Amino acid sequence: MPLFRERHDYKHRPAARWEDGRFIPPHHLPIERSVGEWDRIDWLRYIRASAQNPLCGMTRISIEEHDAIVHSQGYDFLVPTKPETLREVFVEKVDALRHSDIRNAILKPALREGLVTSEGDRWKHDRRALAPVFTPRRIDTLAGAIDRATQDIIPALLAKDEVAIDDVMVELTYGVLSRALFSGQLEEGRDISLREIDRFLNTMGRPDPVDFVDVPQWIPRVTRVGRMGPVKRLRRYISEMVEVRRTQEGEPRDDLLSAMLAEDAFTEEQLQDQLITFIAAGHETTSRALTWLFYLLSQDKNAYERLEAEIDALDTSAPAAEWKTHLPFTRACFDEALRLYPPAPFLSRQLDRDETLAGTPLKKDTIVFCNIWLVHRHRLLWDQPDAFVPERFLEENQRKTPIDRFQYIPFGLGPRVCIGVRFAVLEALIMIVRLAKTYRFELAGEHPWPHARVTVRPEETLRMRVVRR
């Protein structure tokens, strides 16, 4: 049997290229052989590579055919990719699912019972309690604060001729999140907290090789020893922030924290769980999406110029909440960046009972692994799946080639779809407008390699030149 490196070399990194007039960024190649043909050495190499970068884990069959079912290493897996199957699994039969053991091993130690990780009655209570905070009307009222914060923060971040664009976007989204949702409280100790959040996300997002095999959760994971320090420090920081807010006198602030305190629906520990989830996820996902967007635009001159022309024609004296209706191509570019680089690329669930899915009887404890990265690049679902083609999201093209609602799922799907999606899109569009009106970004170093650590980020710092328009 040939060696694994002859079937698929995890170190192989195809160069960026153009094909049929479209830019194709560097991306992982699928493994040629199906999982059923692997031997023990193949699995060990796969587990090691996936622990380092989970994006390595797609096979040619899984990206060219629908709904792979795999039996190996003590687990049964369903990898749903067909939109009808995704609807069946995550909407019609969602009550048959629980969070998978692998997912809990990665996220629970850090997030505990936050909205992303809680289940059952706990999740239902939390979702109902938080729903009033994230209504469309309430989110739109934040547009002005988002715009003001964006304009205040950008000049200092882009004062140099060359920047690490990924760091710029992290600082920008963190600052806007702090002002719009926490009335600026997060900016106290900003540098320290940003470093802790980055360490926190790396801690939370790095699976242990043991997580991939059928080993009980009570057995310690060697790679997690000493990695909870950033999580504990971030929790202390949040606890102090909440205590300051509780003891402040004067008018209540119109922000997320005050709204949550007014609901009086959470214990101190539960409030920490929710806030740490929002702080980590709320700025991280948007910052990564913007990083990838401006990288893609820097490689596609026609798309960049069309986006700039649309933004130049926008009346920015109008309320920021109304801008989105005048930015169809800008929104299409953002959607295409989310397709190619979904910020949270994986959903992992486990069957809580015997169930038939995708026409196949499956046993209790079968892992249902929704690989959003794979769905977004599936050969049966997309034309030019690895290329940057923002026009596919324009309304006139969707009328010709409709995009199924379960084909494009950057914010999840079903009842557990991201509660903050409206805020994230509004925030992103406002930031794109303010950035693109004044600046253009040009790639200054190597093309970035996508790396999954909870979110999809560049493996190395992404350097870009800053050109004032």
Foldseek 3Di string as FASTA:
>chain_A
DDDQCVQANLPDWDCWDDDPNFTFHIAADAGADDPVPDDPVNLVVLLVSCLFFVSNDHHPCPQADAWDWDDDQPFTETAGQDLVQQCCPFAVPVVQWAAAPLLCLQACVQLPCALVHNDDPSNVLVCVLCLVCQDPVNLLVLLVLLLVLLVVLPCVLQVDQKDLLLVSLLLSLLSSCCCSAVVNLCCVVVVVLSVLLVLSLLLSQRGASPSVHPDDSVPDRVVNVPSCVSSVVNLVVVLVSLVVLVPDDDDRDSHNSSSSVVSVSDDSVRVSSHVSVCSNPVRQQLSQLVVQLQLSCLVNVVLLVVQLVQLVPFDVVPRLSPRVVSRQSVVLSSLLSCLQFQFQFKGKIFGCAFDAGPNRTDGGGHIYIHGSNSLSQRPVQDDVSSTRDSVCRHPVNCVVVPHDPSSRQSQHDHPSGDSNPSSSSSSNVSSCSVDSNFWHKHFDDGRFYWGDSSTTHGPDRTMIGIDTD
